[in-house]
Amino acid sequence: MTEQDLKLDARGNVDVDYYVKLARQQRNQYMGELGAAFASKVKALFRVAPPRMSTSH
């Protein structure tokens, strides 16, 4: 979005409410992705691989 594409309200001012709502949506999406990535990393830390069977015996 360029400066010329700013969303304006009925009075011709920058529509702050629109941009606050947009920012909240983007933040919520990012936090959800961040939380999912964090959970995946934590889950990987606690994943225990079963011991391998030795074929040399």
PDB file of N, CA and C in Angstrom:
ATOM      1  N   MET A   1       0.848  -1.171   0.000  1.00  0.00           N
ATOM      2  CA  MET A   1       0.000   0.000   0.000  1.00  0.00           C
ATOM      3  C   MET A   1       0.897   1.239   0.000  1.00  0.00           C
ATOM      4  N   THR A   2       0.640   2.156  -0.895  1.00  0.00           N
ATOM      5  CA  THR A   2       1.416   3.389  -0.945  1.00  0.00           C
ATOM      6  C   THR A   2       0.683   4.480  -0.189  1.00  0.00           C
ATOM      7  N   GLU A   3       1.328   5.614  -0.037  1.00  0.00           N
ATOM      8  CA  GLU A   3       0.700   6.722   0.687  1.00  0.00           C
ATOM      9  C   GLU A   3      -0.580   7.181  -0.002  1.00  0.00           C
ATOM     10  N   GLN A   4      -0.655   7.052  -1.314  1.00  0.00           N
ATOM     11  CA  GLN A   4      -1.844   7.474  -2.041  1.00  0.00           C
ATOM     12  C   GLN A   4      -3.017   6.526  -1.818  1.00  0.00           C
ATOM     13  N   ASP A   5      -2.751   5.330  -1.341  1.00  0.00           N
ATOM     14  CA  ASP A   5      -3.797   4.326  -1.149  1.00  0.00           C
ATOM     15  C   ASP A   5      -4.358   4.315   0.271  1.00  0.00           C
ATOM     16  N   LEU A   6      -4.107   5.351   1.044  1.00  0.00           N
ATOM     17  CA  LEU A   6      -4.594   5.382   2.421  1.00  0.00           C
ATOM     18  C   LEU A   6      -6.110   5.344   2.455  1.00  0.00           C
ATOM     19  N   LYS A   7      -6.631   4.586   3.399  1.00  0.00           N
ATOM     20  CA  LYS A   7      -8.083   4.522   3.578  1.00  0.00           C
ATOM     21  C   LYS A   7      -8.503   5.731   4.404  1.00  0.00           C
ATOM     22  N   LEU A   8      -9.485   6.444   3.892  1.00  0.00           N
ATOM     23  CA  LEU A   8      -9.961   7.651   4.554  1.00  0.00           C
ATOM     24  C   LEU A   8     -11.360   7.438   5.100  1.00  0.00           C
ATOM     25  N   ASP A   9     -11.691   8.172   6.161  1.00  0.00           N
ATOM     26  CA  ASP A   9     -13.040   8.096   6.718  1.00  0.00           C
ATOM     27  C   ASP A   9     -13.948   9.081   5.980  1.00  0.00           C
ATOM     28  N   ALA A  10     -15.180   9.235   6.451  1.00  0.00           N
ATOM     29  CA  ALA A  10     -16.169  10.088   5.788  1.00  0.00           C
ATOM     30  C   ALA A  10     -15.746  11.559   5.764  1.00  0.00           C
ATOM     31  N   ARG A  11     -14.904  11.958   6.693  1.00  0.00           N
ATOM     32  CA  ARG A  11     -14.458  13.359   6.759  1.00  0.00           C
ATOM     33  C   ARG A  11     -13.179  13.617   5.965  1.00  0.00           C
ATOM     34  N   GLY A  12     -12.610  12.565   5.385  1.00  0.00           N
ATOM     35  CA  GLY A  12     -11.390  12.722   4.614  1.00  0.00           C
ATOM     36  C   GLY A  12     -10.122  12.539   5.423  1.00  0.00           C
ATOM     37  N   ASN A  13     -10.262  12.149   6.675  1.00  0.00           N
ATOM     38  CA  ASN A  13      -9.108  11.882   7.535  1.00  0.00           C
ATOM     39  C   ASN A  13      -8.704  10.415   7.400  1.00  0.00           C
ATOM     40  N   VAL A  14      -7.476  10.128   7.780  1.00  0.00           N
ATOM     41  CA  VAL A  14      -7.028   8.735   7.774  1.00  0.00           C
ATOM     42  C   VAL A  14      -7.943   7.940   8.702  1.00  0.00           C
ATOM     43  N   ASP A  15      -8.428   6.803   8.211  1.00  0.00           N
ATOM     44  CA  ASP A  15      -9.353   5.968   8.976  1.00  0.00           C
ATOM     45  C   ASP A  15      -8.570   5.144  10.003  1.00  0.00           C
ATOM     46  N   VAL A  16      -8.332   5.757  11.149  1.00  0.00           N
ATOM     47  CA  VAL A  16      -7.518   5.142  12.193  1.00  0.00           C
ATOM     48  C   VAL A  16      -8.154   3.852  12.699  1.00  0.00           C
ATOM     49  N   ASP A  17      -9.455   3.838  12.866  1.00  0.00           N
ATOM     50  CA  ASP A  17     -10.139   2.632  13.354  1.00  0.00           C
ATOM     51  C   ASP A  17      -9.889   1.448  12.427  1.00  0.00           C
ATOM     52  N   TYR A  18      -9.909   1.685  11.133  1.00  0.00           N
ATOM     53  CA  TYR A  18      -9.649   0.632  10.152  1.00  0.00           C
ATOM     54  C   TYR A  18      -8.237   0.069  10.343  1.00  0.00           C
ATOM     55  N   TYR A  19      -7.255   0.957  10.486  1.00  0.00           N
ATOM     56  CA  TYR A  19      -5.868   0.514  10.608  1.00  0.00           C
ATOM     57  C   TYR A  19      -5.587  -0.151  11.953  1.00  0.00           C
ATOM     58  N   VAL A  20      -6.267   0.267  13.000  1.00  0.00           N
ATOM     59  CA  VAL A  20      -6.127  -0.394  14.295  1.00  0.00           C
ATOM     60  C   VAL A  20      -6.682  -1.818  14.205  1.00  0.00           C
ATOM     61  N   LYS A  21      -7.837  -1.964  13.568  1.00  0.00           N
ATOM     62  CA  LYS A  21      -8.454  -3.282  13.394  1.00  0.00           C
ATOM     63  C   LYS A  21      -7.549  -4.182  12.545  1.00  0.00           C
ATOM     64  N   LEU A  22      -7.006  -3.623  11.467  1.00  0.00           N
ATOM     65  CA  LEU A  22      -6.113  -4.377  10.596  1.00  0.00           C
ATOM     66  C   LEU A  22      -4.859  -4.816  11.359  1.00  0.00           C
ATOM     67  N   ALA A  23      -4.302  -3.925  12.154  1.00  0.00           N
ATOM     68  CA  ALA A  23      -3.108  -4.250  12.939  1.00  0.00           C
ATOM     69  C   ALA A  23      -3.404  -5.355  13.950  1.00  0.00           C
ATOM     70  N   ARG A  24      -4.558  -5.300  14.578  1.00  0.00           N
ATOM     71  CA  ARG A  24      -4.928  -6.354  15.545  1.00  0.00           C
ATOM     72  C   ARG A  24      -5.048  -7.703  14.854  1.00  0.00           C
ATOM     73  N   GLN A  25      -5.666  -7.724  13.671  1.00  0.00           N
ATOM     74  CA  GLN A  25      -5.806  -8.975  12.928  1.00  0.00           C
ATOM     75  C   GLN A  25      -4.441  -9.539  12.562  1.00  0.00           C
ATOM     76  N   GLN A  26      -3.553  -8.680  12.084  1.00  0.00           N
ATOM     77  CA  GLN A  26      -2.224  -9.137  11.694  1.00  0.00           C
ATOM     78  C   GLN A  26      -1.427  -9.610  12.906  1.00  0.00           C
ATOM     79  N   ARG A  27      -1.537  -8.904  14.028  1.00  0.00           N
ATOM     80  CA  ARG A  27      -0.834  -9.304  15.242  1.00  0.00           C
ATOM     81  C   ARG A  27      -1.361 -10.648  15.743  1.00  0.00           C
ATOM     82  N   ASN A  28      -2.674 -10.830  15.732  1.00  0.00           N
ATOM     83  CA  ASN A  28      -3.254 -12.093  16.185  1.00  0.00           C
ATOM     84  C   ASN A  28      -2.805 -13.250  15.307  1.00  0.00           C
ATOM     85  N   GLN A  29      -2.754 -13.029  13.996  1.00  0.00           N
ATOM     86  CA  GLN A  29      -2.301 -14.070  13.087  1.00  0.00           C
ATOM     87  C   GLN A  29      -0.841 -14.412  13.375  1.00  0.00           C
ATOM     88  N   TYR A  30      -0.008 -13.389  13.529  1.00  0.00           N
ATOM     89  CA  TYR A  30       1.412 -13.614  13.806  1.00  0.00           C
ATOM     90  C   TYR A  30       1.609 -14.339  15.132  1.00  0.00           C
ATOM     91  N   MET A  31       0.891 -13.929  16.160  1.00  0.00           N
ATOM     92  CA  MET A  31       1.035 -14.565  17.468  1.00  0.00           C
ATOM     93  C   MET A  31       0.592 -16.028  17.407  1.00  0.00           C
ATOM     94  N   GLY A  32      -0.441 -16.316  16.629  1.00  0.00           N
ATOM     95  CA  GLY A  32      -0.867 -17.701  16.456  1.00  0.00           C
ATOM     96  C   GLY A  32       0.207 -18.537  15.786  1.00  0.00           C
ATOM     97  N   GLU A  33       0.814 -17.983  14.743  1.00  0.00           N
ATOM     98  CA  GLU A  33       1.891 -18.695  14.047  1.00  0.00           C
ATOM     99  C   GLU A  33       3.103 -18.866  14.956  1.00  0.00           C
ATOM    100  N   LEU A  34       3.424 -17.836  15.707  1.00  0.00           N
ATOM    101  CA  LEU A  34       4.544 -17.892  16.635  1.00  0.00           C
ATOM    102  C   LEU A  34       4.297 -18.942  17.718  1.00  0.00           C
ATOM    103  N   GLY A  35       3.082 -18.980  18.247  1.00  0.00           N
ATOM    104  CA  GLY A  35       2.739 -19.961  19.270  1.00  0.00           C
ATOM    105  C   GLY A  35       2.823 -21.381  18.742  1.00  0.00           C
ATOM    106  N   ALA A  36       2.346 -21.586  17.513  1.00  0.00           N
ATOM    107  CA  ALA A  36       2.401 -22.921  16.909  1.00  0.00           C
ATOM    108  C   ALA A  36       3.847 -23.351  16.682  1.00  0.00           C
ATOM    109  N   ALA A  37       4.689 -22.429  16.224  1.00  0.00           N
ATOM    110  CA  ALA A  37       6.097 -22.754  16.007  1.00  0.00           C
ATOM    111  C   ALA A  37       6.789 -23.062  17.327  1.00  0.00           C
ATOM    112  N   PHE A  38       6.467 -22.291  18.360  1.00  0.00           N
ATOM    113  CA  PHE A  38       7.051 -22.528  19.683  1.00  0.00           C
ATOM    114  C   PHE A  38       6.633 -23.892  20.223  1.00  0.00           C
ATOM    115  N   ALA A  39       5.353 -24.207  20.102  1.00  0.00           N
ATOM    116  CA  ALA A  39       4.860 -25.500  20.578  1.00  0.00           C
ATOM    117  C   ALA A  39       5.540 -26.645  19.839  1.00  0.00           C
ATOM    118  N   SER A  40       5.748 -26.473  18.554  1.00  0.00           N
ATOM    119  CA  SER A  40       6.419 -27.502  17.762  1.00  0.00           C
ATOM    120  C   SER A  40       7.859 -27.701  18.227  1.00  0.00           C
ATOM    121  N   LYS A  41       8.557 -26.614  18.518  1.00  0.00           N
ATOM    122  CA  LYS A  41       9.935 -26.707  18.992  1.00  0.00           C
ATOM    123  C   LYS A  41      10.002 -27.381  20.362  1.00  0.00           C
ATOM    124  N   VAL A  42       9.092 -27.019  21.254  1.00  0.00           N
ATOM    125  CA  VAL A  42       9.071 -27.626  22.589  1.00  0.00           C
ATOM    126  C   VAL A  42       8.751 -29.111  22.477  1.00  0.00           C
ATOM    127  N   LYS A  43       7.801 -29.445  21.630  1.00  0.00           N
ATOM    128  CA  LYS A  43       7.425 -30.847  21.440  1.00  0.00           C
ATOM    129  C   LYS A  43       8.616 -31.639  20.919  1.00  0.00           C
ATOM    130  N   ALA A  44       9.391 -31.045  20.013  1.00  0.00           N
ATOM    131  CA  ALA A  44      10.567 -31.732  19.464  1.00  0.00           C
ATOM    132  C   ALA A  44      11.630 -31.945  20.533  1.00  0.00           C
ATOM    133  N   LEU A  45      11.738 -31.032  21.487  1.00  0.00           N
ATOM    134  CA  LEU A  45      12.718 -31.191  22.560  1.00  0.00           C
ATOM    135  C   LEU A  45      12.415 -32.409  23.432  1.00  0.00           C
ATOM    136  N   PHE A  46      11.152 -32.694  23.623  1.00  0.00           N
ATOM    137  CA  PHE A  46      10.752 -33.774  24.510  1.00  0.00           C
ATOM    138  C   PHE A  46      10.431 -35.073  23.782  1.00  0.00           C
ATOM    139  N   ARG A  47      10.604 -35.077  22.487  1.00  0.00           N
ATOM    140  CA  ARG A  47      10.358 -36.294  21.718  1.00  0.00           C
ATOM    141  C   ARG A  47      11.493 -37.272  22.003  1.00  0.00           C
ATOM    142  N   VAL A  48      11.137 -38.460  22.385  1.00  0.00           N
ATOM    143  CA  VAL A  48      12.139 -39.472  22.726  1.00  0.00           C
ATOM    144  C   VAL A  48      12.120 -40.533  21.639  1.00  0.00           C
ATOM    145  N   ALA A  49      13.275 -40.759  21.051  1.00  0.00           N
ATOM    146  CA  ALA A  49      13.389 -41.778  20.017  1.00  0.00           C
ATOM    147  C   ALA A  49      13.578 -43.139  20.686  1.00  0.00           C
ATOM    148  N   PRO A  50      12.899 -44.163  20.180  1.00  0.00           N
ATOM    149  CA  PRO A  50      13.080 -45.492  20.768  1.00  0.00           C
ATOM    150  C   PRO A  50      14.505 -45.989  20.489  1.00  0.00           C
ATOM    151  N   PRO A  51      15.046 -46.775  21.427  1.00  0.00           N
ATOM    152  CA  PRO A  51      16.414 -47.262  21.239  1.00  0.00           C
ATOM    153  C   PRO A  51      16.476 -48.178  20.020  1.00  0.00           C
ATOM    154  N   ARG A  52      17.587 -48.118  19.311  1.00  0.00           N
ATOM    155  CA  ARG A  52      17.763 -48.958  18.114  1.00  0.00           C
ATOM    156  C   ARG A  52      18.210 -50.355  18.552  1.00  0.00           C
ATOM    157  N   MET A  53      17.706 -51.315  17.848  1.00  0.00           N
ATOM    158  CA  MET A  53      18.104 -52.691  18.120  1.00  0.00           C
ATOM    159  C   MET A  53      19.449 -52.967  17.435  1.00  0.00           C
ATOM    160  N   SER A  54      20.341 -53.533  18.173  1.00  0.00           N
ATOM    161  CA  SER A  54      21.651 -53.847  17.624  1.00  0.00           C
ATOM    162  C   SER A  54      21.571 -55.156  16.863  1.00  0.00           C
ATOM    163  N   THR A  55      22.098 -55.174  15.657  1.00  0.00           N
ATOM    164  CA  THR A  55      22.099 -56.406  14.852  1.00  0.00           C
ATOM    165  C   THR A  55      23.424 -57.167  14.987  1.00  0.00           C
ATOM    166  N   SER A  56      24.338 -56.650  15.798  1.00  0.00           N
ATOM    167  CA  SER A  56      25.654 -57.299  15.928  1.00  0.00           C
ATOM    168  C   SER A  56      25.633 -58.477  16.889  1.00  0.00           C
ATOM    169  N   HIS A  57      24.601 -58.689  17.638  1.00  0.00           N
ATOM    170  CA  HIS A  57      24.576 -59.800  18.620  1.00  0.00           C
ATOM    171  C   HIS A  57      24.068 -61.047  18.005  1.00  0.00           C
TER     172      HIS A  57
END
